[in-house]
């Protein structure tokens, strides 16, 4: 993509909020921005009631280089990379860095806790896998390098972001860390009677709650569970941790068990908590959970109990309705004598009648239950975010080559009466990947406070720079306006190293820093003596390392 923007073009497509920024940075005075949050969401930016945007930049072009490339005037610091010591106990930063969430300490924008997800391992962390079978030592390393890291980060006097390894909060959460189950599956026979389970892994994206904790999502968990001989039903859940309290570790079964990508939390018109979720696999569904009780800001973390009691829904895109994924709804379908299994459900009626007898059965076998009640199979629904400006819901459908959707698209849902708790909705294809837009395979999302979407892409390593993906080169980070004359157009802000995907974009509340993960650089490496990437190119280091970086250079009004 070779788009160039002059200042006038930039101002016209970003609108008055950006105009205030650019005018101020150019010494032209200040214009009053018009953006404002329409309703409460868990998005960290809007708790500070800012109207800043994330800076003027000249879009870059796609690249094949083994570098993290940014526009002129921006820089990045590697805050933590796979294998780095994170605390005085000697624990090490995990592999497969994904989601990030920043929590200020004492209101600071330059010091806080950074939560990072570790999705999976590779040759650089556990070594080559022979004949597809992990050794006992590799099984152990596989569990240790996945999960989550809580690290303390700060910006020093020279403007460099660093990790504070003396932090009392810094810790690893791994495949060995005990978690408490909550909700309908807790203690049920469907999960083997378990009330606590071993560990979390396959931690993909996530979300921040209204009470300032993190929800982390277990995505492609099956292989790790099988290799470690762990009960498969103990994984595939939404995990909740408190960055400031190492004892708080829960898995919320009411939110369903599937290949979770992320969560996006907001409030219904009557004050109930709503959590949107995507199931990241081909022909999977879009979900939302609506709590039975109402949110009370004075209760703080006690509001987490709202995630234990409520109704899980799945989207039917043809009817524009949210279908309840409940035992009653499932049984009504399969008890019908004219029952015909929908696409994606192979079991016979008698098998299904025996399978679904409790709500625990429904949440554990959620994907199947969702299809039974009318959920629409879609093209890998990954990150979902709620626009705090108008309550519309943005969903990255990354791709689905089984149906010819090679480059993916971003769907925008309009809830009835702008109520996140509504039973009906409409939707549009907000942006489609392909040559016309300059991006392919959208994955994670983040809003800046002028309502622009920051979108990272996930072209698989085996497809990068080949065939119909040649024009896009390495994966990147793009900015897409959600309003104005360039609504839906993508402007490239970053290009990642060889065979990586960029993940987990997350701004500090003042929007002067953007945290971003560089996941699996050199993923196609087969020989450690001949890696396909050596990013982040540390002196004397022969490994590529997944890492989280802090990007700065944003000029704010």
Protein backbone atom coordinates (compact mmCIF):
# COMPACT_ATOMS: atom_id res chain seq x y z
CA UNK A 1 0.00 0.00 0.00
CA UNK A 2 1.50 3.30 -1.09
CA UNK A 3 -0.93 5.82 0.31
CA UNK A 4 0.56 9.22 1.18
CA UNK A 5 -1.26 11.80 3.26
CA UNK A 6 -0.65 15.50 3.50
CA UNK A 7 -1.83 17.37 6.57
CA UNK A 8 -5.09 18.46 4.90
CA UNK A 9 -5.95 14.88 3.94
CA UNK A 10 -5.19 13.67 7.44
CA UNK A 11 -7.40 16.29 9.04
CA UNK A 12 -10.26 15.62 6.66
CA UNK A 13 -10.39 11.91 7.33
CA UNK A 14 -9.90 11.97 11.09
CA UNK A 15 -12.29 14.82 11.87
CA UNK A 16 -12.27 17.60 14.43
CA UNK A 17 -10.72 15.65 17.27
CA UNK A 18 -7.66 14.93 15.16
CA UNK A 19 -7.73 18.46 13.83
CA UNK A 20 -7.34 19.73 17.38
CA UNK A 21 -4.29 17.52 17.79
CA UNK A 22 -2.63 18.39 14.52
CA UNK A 23 -3.39 22.09 14.81
CA UNK A 24 -1.96 22.20 18.32
CA UNK A 25 1.19 20.32 17.29
CA UNK A 26 1.64 22.72 14.38
CA UNK A 27 1.21 25.78 16.60
CA UNK A 28 -2.11 26.70 14.99
CA UNK A 29 -4.15 26.87 18.15
CA UNK A 30 -6.73 24.41 19.45
CA UNK A 31 -10.05 23.32 18.03
CA UNK A 32 -12.65 21.73 20.24
CA UNK A 33 -13.18 18.05 19.48
CA UNK A 34 -16.65 16.56 19.38
CA UNK A 35 -16.04 12.93 20.21
CA UNK A 36 -17.58 11.66 23.43
CA UNK A 37 -18.30 8.29 24.96
CA UNK A 38 -21.89 7.21 24.41
CA UNK A 39 -22.03 4.65 27.20
CA UNK A 40 -19.83 2.87 29.72
CA UNK A 41 -17.55 0.15 28.39
CA UNK A 42 -14.53 -1.55 29.85
CA UNK A 43 -12.26 0.19 27.36
CA UNK A 44 -9.46 1.75 29.40
CA UNK A 45 -9.26 4.93 27.32
CA UNK A 46 -12.62 6.35 28.20
CA UNK A 47 -12.35 6.11 31.95
CA UNK A 48 -10.07 9.13 31.61
CA UNK A 49 -12.60 11.04 29.46
CA UNK A 50 -9.93 12.06 27.00
CA UNK A 51 -10.48 13.39 23.53
CA UNK A 52 -7.01 12.77 22.25
CA UNK A 53 -6.07 10.86 19.15
CA UNK A 54 -2.95 8.92 18.57
CA UNK A 55 -0.85 11.26 16.51
CA UNK A 56 -0.10 12.32 12.98
CA UNK A 57 1.82 9.82 10.88
CA UNK A 58 2.72 9.23 7.28
CA UNK A 59 1.59 5.69 6.37
CA UNK A 60 4.34 3.23 5.58
CA UNK A 61 4.46 0.69 2.77
CA UNK A 62 4.39 -3.10 3.15
CA UNK A 63 7.75 -4.72 3.82
CA UNK A 64 9.46 -8.13 3.73
CA UNK A 65 12.27 -7.03 6.06
CA UNK A 66 13.08 -8.81 9.31
CA UNK A 67 12.36 -5.62 11.21
CA UNK A 68 9.59 -3.93 13.12
CA UNK A 69 9.08 -0.85 10.95
CA UNK A 70 7.25 2.30 12.07
CA UNK A 71 6.49 5.69 10.50
CA UNK A 72 9.05 8.46 10.64
CA UNK A 73 9.21 10.02 14.11
CA UNK A 74 8.20 6.88 16.02
CA UNK A 75 10.37 4.41 17.93
CA UNK A 76 9.95 1.23 19.93
CA UNK A 77 11.57 -0.27 23.02
CA UNK A 78 11.62 -4.02 23.60
CA UNK A 79 10.12 -4.21 27.09
CA UNK A 80 10.24 -7.98 27.56
CA UNK A 81 11.11 -10.89 25.29
CA UNK A 82 10.76 -14.65 25.56
CA UNK A 83 13.13 -15.96 28.24
CA UNK A 84 13.80 -12.61 29.96
CA UNK A 85 13.85 -12.72 33.77
CA UNK A 86 10.84 -10.77 35.07
CA UNK A 87 11.27 -10.81 38.87
CA UNK A 88 13.61 -11.54 41.74
CA UNK A 89 12.35 -15.14 41.89
CA UNK A 90 13.96 -15.69 38.49
CA UNK A 91 10.73 -16.41 36.62
CA UNK A 92 10.98 -15.89 32.87
CA UNK A 93 8.79 -14.17 30.30
CA UNK A 94 6.81 -16.71 28.27
CA UNK A 95 6.56 -17.43 24.56
CA UNK A 96 3.89 -16.50 22.00
CA UNK A 97 3.18 -12.99 23.33
CA UNK A 98 -0.35 -11.91 22.50
CA UNK A 99 -2.81 -9.68 24.38
CA UNK A 100 -1.60 -6.72 26.45
CA UNK A 101 -3.35 -4.68 29.16
CA UNK A 102 -1.75 -1.76 31.01
CA UNK A 103 -2.78 -0.81 34.56
CA UNK A 104 -1.39 2.49 35.91
CA UNK A 105 0.20 2.44 39.36
CA UNK A 106 -1.03 5.39 41.45
CA UNK A 107 -2.53 7.00 38.35
CA UNK A 108 0.78 7.17 36.48
CA UNK A 109 0.92 6.99 32.69
CA UNK A 110 4.61 6.12 32.81
CA UNK A 111 4.63 3.30 35.39
CA UNK A 112 2.21 0.44 35.70
CA UNK A 113 1.56 -3.26 35.46
CA UNK A 114 1.50 -4.82 32.02
CA UNK A 115 -0.39 -8.09 31.63
CA UNK A 116 0.73 -10.18 28.65
CA UNK A 117 -0.78 -13.41 27.32
CA UNK A 118 1.39 -16.31 26.11
CA UNK A 119 -0.50 -18.27 23.47
CA UNK A 120 1.81 -21.07 22.42
CA UNK A 121 5.41 -22.25 22.15
CA UNK A 122 7.77 -22.85 19.26
CA UNK A 123 11.19 -24.15 18.34
CA UNK A 124 12.97 -21.25 20.07
CA UNK A 125 11.46 -22.01 23.50
CA UNK A 126 11.06 -25.80 23.62
CA UNK A 127 13.36 -26.91 20.78
CA UNK A 128 12.60 -29.10 17.75
CA UNK A 129 9.77 -31.59 18.20
CA UNK A 130 10.65 -35.02 16.80
CA UNK A 131 7.90 -36.86 14.93
CA UNK A 132 5.30 -34.54 16.45
CA UNK A 133 5.71 -36.00 19.96
CA UNK A 134 6.89 -33.88 22.89
CA UNK A 135 9.44 -35.32 25.29
CA UNK A 136 8.60 -35.15 29.04
CA UNK A 137 10.90 -32.13 29.35
CA UNK A 138 9.18 -30.42 26.41
CA UNK A 139 5.77 -31.10 27.97
CA UNK A 140 6.97 -29.28 31.10
CA UNK A 141 8.44 -26.38 29.11
CA UNK A 142 5.29 -26.18 27.01
CA UNK A 143 3.20 -25.60 30.16
CA UNK A 144 5.72 -23.16 31.64
CA UNK A 145 6.08 -20.96 28.56
CA UNK A 146 2.33 -20.57 28.02
CA UNK A 147 -0.14 -18.72 30.24
CA UNK A 148 0.38 -15.11 31.28
CA UNK A 149 2.96 -12.68 32.62
CA UNK A 150 2.34 -9.77 34.96
CA UNK A 151 5.29 -7.38 34.77
CA UNK A 152 5.94 -3.89 36.07
CA UNK A 153 7.04 -1.42 33.40
CA UNK A 154 8.13 2.19 33.49
CA UNK A 155 9.42 4.96 31.23
CA UNK A 156 12.78 6.31 32.41
CA UNK A 157 14.05 9.90 32.26
CA UNK A 158 15.42 9.32 28.76
CA UNK A 159 11.99 8.22 27.55
CA UNK A 160 12.88 4.52 27.31
CA UNK A 161 10.38 1.92 28.49
CA UNK A 162 11.87 -0.78 30.71
CA UNK A 163 10.85 -3.68 32.93
CA UNK A 164 11.30 -3.38 36.71
CA UNK A 165 12.45 -6.85 37.78
CA UNK A 166 12.29 -5.86 41.46
CA UNK A 167 8.52 -5.42 41.33
CA UNK A 168 6.49 -7.04 44.10
CA UNK A 169 3.71 -7.70 41.58
CA UNK A 170 5.72 -9.35 38.79
CA UNK A 171 4.87 -13.01 38.34
CA UNK A 172 4.13 -15.82 35.90
CA UNK A 173 0.81 -17.61 35.57
CA UNK A 174 1.36 -20.93 33.79
CA UNK A 175 -0.02 -24.31 32.91
CA UNK A 176 0.73 -25.34 36.50
CA UNK A 177 -1.11 -22.49 38.32
CA UNK A 178 -4.31 -23.61 40.16
CA UNK A 179 -7.57 -21.94 39.09
CA UNK A 180 -11.04 -21.98 40.65
CA UNK A 181 -14.02 -22.87 38.45
CA UNK A 182 -17.17 -20.76 38.78
CA UNK A 183 -20.60 -21.04 37.21
CA UNK A 184 -22.74 -23.95 36.02
CA UNK A 185 -19.91 -26.39 35.21
CA UNK A 186 -18.25 -26.06 38.62
CA UNK A 187 -18.24 -29.43 40.38
CA UNK A 188 -20.33 -31.03 37.63
CA UNK A 189 -19.79 -34.53 36.31
CA UNK A 190 -19.15 -32.97 32.88
CA UNK A 191 -15.81 -31.64 34.18
CA UNK A 192 -15.12 -34.70 36.34
CA UNK A 193 -16.45 -33.07 39.51
CA UNK A 194 -13.68 -30.47 39.53
CA UNK A 195 -13.98 -27.20 41.44
CA UNK A 196 -10.32 -26.28 40.85
CA UNK A 197 -8.19 -27.12 37.82
CA UNK A 198 -4.52 -27.09 36.89
CA UNK A 199 -3.25 -24.15 34.90
CA UNK A 200 -4.16 -22.00 31.96
CA UNK A 201 -2.62 -22.14 28.48
CA UNK A 202 -3.33 -21.23 24.86
CA UNK A 203 -4.00 -17.71 26.17
CA UNK A 204 -4.86 -15.69 23.11
CA UNK A 205 -6.48 -12.28 23.45
CA UNK A 206 -8.55 -10.94 26.32
CA UNK A 207 -10.19 -7.89 27.79
CA UNK A 208 -10.38 -5.55 30.77
CA UNK A 209 -13.37 -5.66 33.11
CA UNK A 210 -15.31 -2.71 34.46
CA UNK A 211 -13.81 -3.56 37.88
CA UNK A 212 -10.20 -3.41 36.65
CA UNK A 213 -9.29 -7.07 36.31
CA UNK A 214 -8.20 -8.97 33.19
CA UNK A 215 -10.15 -11.60 31.28
CA UNK A 216 -7.81 -13.93 29.37
CA UNK A 217 -9.08 -16.35 26.74
CA UNK A 218 -8.03 -19.97 26.28
CA UNK A 219 -8.10 -20.62 22.54
CA UNK A 220 -6.37 -23.60 20.87
CA UNK A 221 -5.98 -25.67 24.02
CA UNK A 222 -6.54 -29.25 22.85
CA UNK A 223 -3.00 -30.22 21.81
CA UNK A 224 -1.39 -28.91 24.99
CA UNK A 225 -4.00 -30.63 27.17
CA UNK A 226 -3.50 -33.91 25.29
CA UNK A 227 0.30 -33.83 25.43
CA UNK A 228 0.19 -33.15 29.20
CA UNK A 229 -2.57 -35.76 29.75
CA UNK A 230 -4.88 -33.17 31.28
CA UNK A 231 -8.69 -33.21 31.25
CA UNK A 232 -9.72 -31.40 28.06
CA UNK A 233 -12.89 -30.00 29.67
CA UNK A 234 -10.82 -27.95 32.12
CA UNK A 235 -9.66 -25.68 29.27
CA UNK A 236 -11.27 -23.47 26.66
CA UNK A 237 -12.68 -21.07 29.26
CA UNK A 238 -12.46 -17.34 29.99
CA UNK A 239 -9.94 -16.80 32.79
CA UNK A 240 -10.01 -13.86 35.23
CA UNK A 241 -6.99 -12.54 37.12
CA UNK A 242 -6.31 -9.44 39.20
CA UNK A 243 -2.92 -7.94 38.27
CA UNK A 244 -2.50 -6.54 41.78
CA UNK A 245 -3.60 -9.69 43.65
CA UNK A 246 -1.79 -12.93 42.87
CA UNK A 247 -4.35 -15.01 44.79
CA UNK A 248 -7.28 -14.11 42.51
CA UNK A 249 -7.52 -16.80 39.78
CA UNK A 250 -10.86 -17.90 38.27
CA UNK A 251 -12.32 -19.61 35.20
CA UNK A 252 -15.88 -18.51 34.42
CA UNK A 253 -17.81 -21.42 32.92
CA UNK A 254 -21.03 -19.45 32.39
CA UNK A 255 -19.27 -17.75 29.46
CA UNK A 256 -19.04 -21.04 27.59
CA UNK A 257 -16.21 -23.33 26.52
CA UNK A 258 -14.85 -22.94 23.00
CA UNK A 259 -11.83 -21.55 21.16
CA UNK A 260 -12.06 -18.14 22.82
CA UNK A 261 -10.29 -15.22 21.12
CA UNK A 262 -11.13 -12.28 23.36
CA UNK A 263 -13.78 -10.52 25.42
CA UNK A 264 -15.34 -7.07 25.12
CA UNK A 265 -17.33 -5.87 28.13
CA UNK A 266 -19.97 -3.18 28.36
CA UNK A 267 -23.29 -2.41 30.04
CA UNK A 268 -26.84 -2.92 28.85
CA UNK A 269 -29.30 -0.05 29.02
CA UNK A 270 -30.62 -1.36 32.33
CA UNK A 271 -27.16 -1.79 33.87
CA UNK A 272 -26.39 -5.47 33.35
CA UNK A 273 -22.91 -6.61 32.32
CA UNK A 274 -22.57 -7.72 28.69
CA UNK A 275 -19.57 -9.68 27.41
CA UNK A 276 -19.03 -10.26 23.67
CA UNK A 277 -16.85 -13.18 22.56
CA UNK A 278 -15.63 -14.80 19.35
CA UNK A 279 -14.88 -18.49 18.70
CA UNK A 280 -11.71 -18.46 16.58
CA UNK A 281 -12.11 -21.35 14.22
CA UNK A 282 -13.69 -21.89 10.83
CA UNK A 283 -17.49 -22.03 10.83
CA UNK A 284 -17.76 -20.91 14.44
CA UNK A 285 -20.06 -18.41 16.11
CA UNK A 286 -20.31 -15.01 17.77
CA UNK A 287 -21.50 -14.95 21.39
CA UNK A 288 -22.57 -12.55 24.08
CA UNK A 289 -23.25 -13.12 27.76
CA UNK A 290 -25.72 -10.94 29.66
CA UNK A 291 -25.61 -11.07 33.45
CA UNK A 292 -28.71 -11.61 35.54
CA UNK A 293 -27.71 -8.98 38.07
CA UNK A 294 -26.78 -5.33 37.58
CA UNK A 295 -23.36 -3.73 37.82
CA UNK A 296 -22.65 -1.63 40.90
CA UNK A 297 -19.45 0.41 40.63
CA UNK A 298 -19.25 0.76 44.42
CA UNK A 299 -18.77 -3.00 44.79
CA UNK A 300 -15.50 -3.12 42.84
CA UNK A 301 -14.22 -6.65 42.23
CA UNK A 302 -17.29 -8.17 43.87
CA UNK A 303 -19.00 -7.48 40.55
CA UNK A 304 -17.12 -10.50 39.17
CA UNK A 305 -19.93 -12.63 40.63
CA UNK A 306 -22.07 -11.25 37.78
CA UNK A 307 -20.07 -13.48 35.42
CA UNK A 308 -21.33 -16.57 37.24
CA UNK A 309 -25.05 -16.07 36.63
CA UNK A 310 -26.61 -14.93 33.39
CA UNK A 311 -27.64 -15.96 29.90
CA UNK A 312 -25.29 -16.91 27.08
CA UNK A 313 -26.48 -16.01 23.58
CA UNK A 314 -25.29 -16.82 20.06
CA UNK A 315 -25.79 -14.61 17.00
CA UNK A 316 -28.10 -15.68 14.19
CA UNK A 317 -26.97 -13.36 11.41
CA UNK A 318 -29.82 -14.32 9.08
CA UNK A 319 -32.61 -13.37 11.48
CA UNK A 320 -30.68 -10.68 13.33
CA UNK A 321 -31.49 -12.27 16.67
CA UNK A 322 -29.51 -13.39 19.69
CA UNK A 323 -30.50 -16.98 20.42
CA UNK A 324 -30.23 -18.18 24.04
CA UNK A 325 -27.73 -21.03 24.50
CA UNK A 326 -29.57 -22.64 27.39
CA UNK A 327 -30.57 -26.16 28.32
CA UNK A 328 -34.21 -25.30 27.70
CA UNK A 329 -33.48 -24.01 24.19
CA UNK A 330 -31.24 -26.94 23.29
CA UNK A 331 -33.67 -29.57 24.56
CA UNK A 332 -36.58 -27.92 22.72
CA UNK A 333 -34.71 -28.32 19.43
CA UNK A 334 -33.56 -31.90 19.85
CA UNK A 335 -36.82 -33.14 21.39
CA UNK A 336 -38.70 -32.09 18.27
CA UNK A 337 -39.64 -35.26 16.36
CA UNK A 338 -38.83 -33.45 13.09
CA UNK A 339 -35.31 -32.67 14.34
CA UNK A 340 -32.63 -32.42 11.67
CA UNK A 341 -29.04 -31.79 12.73
CA UNK A 342 -27.68 -28.45 11.40
CA UNK A 343 -24.41 -28.22 9.51
CA UNK A 344 -21.52 -28.76 11.87
CA UNK A 345 -23.39 -31.17 14.17
CA UNK A 346 -22.74 -34.81 13.29
CA UNK A 347 -24.30 -36.53 16.31
CA UNK A 348 -27.65 -38.28 16.03
CA UNK A 349 -30.75 -37.13 17.92
CA UNK A 350 -30.51 -39.92 20.50
CA UNK A 351 -26.86 -39.10 21.19
CA UNK A 352 -27.70 -35.43 21.66
CA UNK A 353 -30.57 -36.23 24.03
CA UNK A 354 -28.12 -38.19 26.17
CA UNK A 355 -25.43 -35.51 25.90
CA UNK A 356 -27.38 -32.40 26.95
CA UNK A 357 -29.04 -32.86 30.32
CA UNK A 358 -27.74 -29.92 32.37
CA UNK A 359 -26.55 -26.36 31.76
CA UNK A 360 -23.06 -27.68 32.57
CA UNK A 361 -23.35 -29.91 29.50
CA UNK A 362 -24.43 -26.91 27.43
CA UNK A 363 -21.50 -24.67 28.40
CA UNK A 364 -18.90 -27.44 28.16
CA UNK A 365 -20.06 -28.45 24.67
CA UNK A 366 -20.93 -24.90 23.75
CA UNK A 367 -20.06 -24.86 20.04
CA UNK A 368 -22.38 -27.77 19.32
CA UNK A 369 -25.14 -26.33 21.52
CA UNK A 370 -24.87 -22.96 19.77
CA UNK A 371 -25.30 -24.51 16.34
CA UNK A 372 -28.31 -26.48 17.56
CA UNK A 373 -30.17 -23.34 18.69
CA UNK A 374 -29.50 -21.50 15.43
CA UNK A 375 -26.08 -19.87 15.76
CA UNK A 376 -24.63 -18.78 12.41
CA UNK A 377 -21.29 -20.36 11.47
CA UNK A 378 -18.89 -17.57 10.46
CA UNK A 379 -15.35 -17.02 9.22
CA UNK A 380 -13.13 -17.24 12.31
CA UNK A 381 -14.54 -14.49 14.55
CA UNK A 382 -11.52 -13.19 16.44
CA UNK A 383 -11.23 -9.89 18.29
CA UNK A 384 -14.43 -8.03 19.19
CA UNK A 385 -14.54 -4.46 20.48
CA UNK A 386 -17.40 -2.17 21.48
CA UNK A 387 -17.22 1.37 20.14
CA UNK A 388 -17.54 3.62 23.19
CA UNK A 389 -18.88 6.37 20.91
CA UNK A 390 -21.98 4.72 19.52
CA UNK A 391 -22.26 1.23 21.08
CA UNK A 392 -21.71 -0.51 17.74
CA UNK A 393 -19.75 -3.75 17.97
CA UNK A 394 -16.80 -4.47 15.67
CA UNK A 395 -15.79 -8.07 14.92
CA UNK A 396 -12.72 -9.25 13.03
CA UNK A 397 -13.57 -12.21 10.82
CA UNK A 398 -10.01 -13.19 9.98
CA UNK A 399 -10.65 -15.49 7.00
CA UNK A 400 -12.10 -18.83 5.95
CA UNK A 401 -10.48 -20.38 2.90
CA UNK A 402 -13.03 -23.21 2.97
CA UNK A 403 -15.60 -20.70 1.71
CA UNK A 404 -13.34 -18.53 -0.40
CA UNK A 405 -13.06 -15.73 2.16
CA UNK A 406 -9.30 -15.51 1.83
CA UNK A 407 -8.68 -11.99 3.16
CA UNK A 408 -11.35 -11.71 5.84
CA UNK A 409 -13.48 -8.74 6.84
CA UNK A 410 -14.60 -6.61 9.78
CA UNK A 411 -18.28 -6.86 10.71
CA UNK A 412 -20.10 -4.08 12.55
CA UNK A 413 -23.16 -4.98 14.64
CA UNK A 414 -25.87 -2.43 15.44
CA UNK A 415 -27.81 -3.52 18.51
CA UNK A 416 -31.52 -2.59 18.60
CA UNK A 417 -31.95 0.87 20.19
CA UNK A 418 -28.16 0.91 20.77
CA UNK A 419 -28.72 -1.36 23.77
CA UNK A 420 -25.98 -3.94 24.29
CA UNK A 421 -28.54 -6.13 26.06
CA UNK A 422 -30.92 -6.16 23.09
CA UNK A 423 -32.37 -9.37 21.68
CA UNK A 424 -32.14 -8.18 18.05
CA UNK A 425 -29.50 -6.51 15.88
CA UNK A 426 -28.54 -5.47 12.37
CA UNK A 427 -25.06 -5.58 10.86
CA UNK A 428 -22.85 -4.41 8.02
CA UNK A 429 -19.51 -5.40 6.52
CA UNK A 430 -17.54 -2.41 7.77
CA UNK A 431 -14.32 -3.22 5.88
CA UNK A 432 -13.21 -6.10 3.69
CA UNK A 433 -9.66 -7.33 3.38
CA UNK A 434 -8.08 -7.48 -0.06
CA UNK A 435 -6.14 -5.45 -2.59
CA UNK A 436 -8.71 -2.67 -2.48
CA UNK A 437 -8.16 -2.03 1.24
CA UNK A 438 -4.47 -2.88 1.54
CA UNK A 439 -4.81 -5.36 4.41
CA UNK A 440 -5.57 -9.06 4.75
CA UNK A 441 -6.77 -11.23 7.63
CA UNK A 442 -7.73 -8.75 10.39
CA UNK A 443 -7.20 -10.05 13.93
CA UNK A 444 -6.95 -7.81 17.05
CA UNK A 445 -8.57 -4.40 17.47
CA UNK A 446 -8.12 -1.31 19.64
CA UNK A 447 -9.83 2.08 19.60
CA UNK A 448 -8.12 5.40 20.04
CA UNK A 449 -10.14 8.16 21.64
CA UNK A 450 -11.16 9.69 18.35
CA UNK A 451 -12.91 6.47 17.42
CA UNK A 452 -10.34 5.10 14.99
CA UNK A 453 -9.72 1.37 14.85
CA UNK A 454 -6.17 0.09 15.18
CA UNK A 455 -6.12 -3.31 13.49
CA UNK A 456 -3.39 -5.94 13.36
CA UNK A 457 -3.34 -8.67 10.74
CA UNK A 458 -2.79 -12.43 10.88
CA UNK A 459 -1.78 -13.81 7.51
CA UNK A 460 -0.47 -17.29 8.36
CA UNK A 461 3.29 -17.66 8.19
CA UNK A 462 2.98 -20.28 5.47
CA UNK A 463 0.99 -17.86 3.28
CA UNK A 464 2.98 -14.66 3.78
CA UNK A 465 4.57 -13.27 0.62
CA UNK A 466 3.05 -16.03 -1.52
CA UNK A 467 0.25 -16.23 -4.07
CA UNK A 468 -2.59 -13.79 -3.46
CA UNK A 469 -0.86 -12.57 -0.28
CA UNK A 470 2.24 -11.23 -2.06
CA UNK A 471 1.07 -7.62 -2.12
CA UNK A 472 0.58 -7.48 1.66
CA UNK A 473 4.07 -8.80 2.49
CA UNK A 474 4.64 -9.20 6.27
CA UNK A 475 1.81 -8.76 8.77
CA UNK A 476 1.17 -5.23 9.93
CA UNK A 477 -0.73 -2.73 12.08
CA UNK A 478 -3.28 -0.48 10.37
CA UNK A 479 -5.43 2.51 11.37
CA UNK A 480 -8.98 2.52 9.99
CA UNK A 481 -11.26 5.54 10.56
CA UNK A 482 -14.80 4.62 11.64
CA UNK A 483 -16.32 7.88 10.37
CA UNK A 484 -15.56 10.68 7.94
CA UNK A 485 -14.68 10.61 4.23
CA UNK A 486 -12.07 7.85 4.65
CA UNK A 487 -14.28 5.61 6.77
CA UNK A 488 -13.20 2.01 6.27
CA UNK A 489 -9.86 2.83 4.59
CA UNK A 490 -6.70 1.29 6.05
CA UNK A 491 -3.50 3.26 6.64
CA UNK A 492 -0.47 1.15 7.56
CA UNK A 493 1.31 2.17 10.76
CA UNK A 494 3.67 -0.79 11.34
CA UNK A 495 5.17 -3.77 9.54
CA UNK A 496 6.32 -6.79 11.53
CA UNK A 497 9.42 -8.98 11.23
CA UNK A 498 9.56 -12.16 9.13
CA UNK A 499 6.84 -14.78 9.82
CA UNK A 500 5.37 -12.94 12.80
CA UNK A 501 1.98 -11.54 13.55
CA UNK A 502 1.52 -8.32 15.49
CA UNK A 503 -0.92 -8.75 18.38
CA UNK A 504 -2.43 -7.13 21.45
CA UNK A 505 -2.37 -3.37 20.67
CA UNK A 506 -3.10 -1.44 23.88
CA UNK A 507 -2.62 2.26 24.63
CA UNK A 508 -1.61 3.87 27.89
CA UNK A 509 -4.48 6.10 29.11
CA UNK A 510 -2.74 9.26 27.87
CA UNK A 511 -2.20 7.61 24.46
CA UNK A 512 1.48 8.54 24.43
CA UNK A 513 2.52 4.87 24.35
CA UNK A 514 1.18 1.90 22.43
CA UNK A 515 2.08 -1.57 23.69
CA UNK A 516 2.24 -4.17 20.93
CA UNK A 517 3.28 -7.82 20.87
CA UNK A 518 5.44 -9.39 18.18
CA UNK A 519 4.33 -13.03 18.11
CA UNK A 520 6.26 -15.99 16.66
CA UNK A 521 8.90 -14.25 14.49
CA UNK A 522 10.70 -16.93 12.47
CA UNK A 523 7.84 -19.36 13.01
CA UNK A 524 8.75 -21.49 9.98
CA UNK A 525 12.26 -22.21 11.32
CA UNK A 526 13.12 -25.92 11.19
CA UNK A 527 16.84 -25.69 12.02
CA UNK A 528 17.99 -23.61 15.01
CA UNK A 529 21.32 -23.06 13.23
CA UNK A 530 19.49 -21.43 10.33
CA UNK A 531 16.57 -19.40 11.72
CA UNK A 532 14.31 -17.54 9.29
CA UNK A 533 14.26 -14.56 11.69
CA UNK A 534 16.56 -13.27 14.42
CA UNK A 535 14.33 -10.43 15.58
CA UNK A 536 14.76 -8.55 17.96
CA UNK A 537 18.39 -8.88 16.84
CA UNK A 538 20.01 -8.73 20.23
CA UNK A 539 23.82 -8.74 20.02
CA UNK A 540 25.13 -12.30 20.12
CA UNK A 541 21.63 -13.82 20.18
CA UNK A 542 20.88 -16.44 17.52
CA UNK A 543 17.20 -16.86 18.46
CA UNK A 544 14.12 -15.07 17.33
CA UNK A 545 12.06 -14.10 20.38
CA UNK A 546 8.40 -13.24 20.79
CA UNK A 547 8.25 -9.96 22.70
CA UNK A 548 6.18 -6.98 23.75
CA UNK A 549 7.31 -3.52 22.66
CA UNK A 550 6.39 0.00 23.73
CA UNK A 551 5.90 2.38 20.80
CA UNK A 552 6.28 6.10 21.39
CA UNK A 553 6.44 9.28 19.34
CA UNK A 554 2.75 10.22 19.46
CA UNK A 555 2.25 13.99 19.49
CA UNK A 556 -0.87 14.79 21.47
CA UNK A 557 -2.98 17.87 21.89
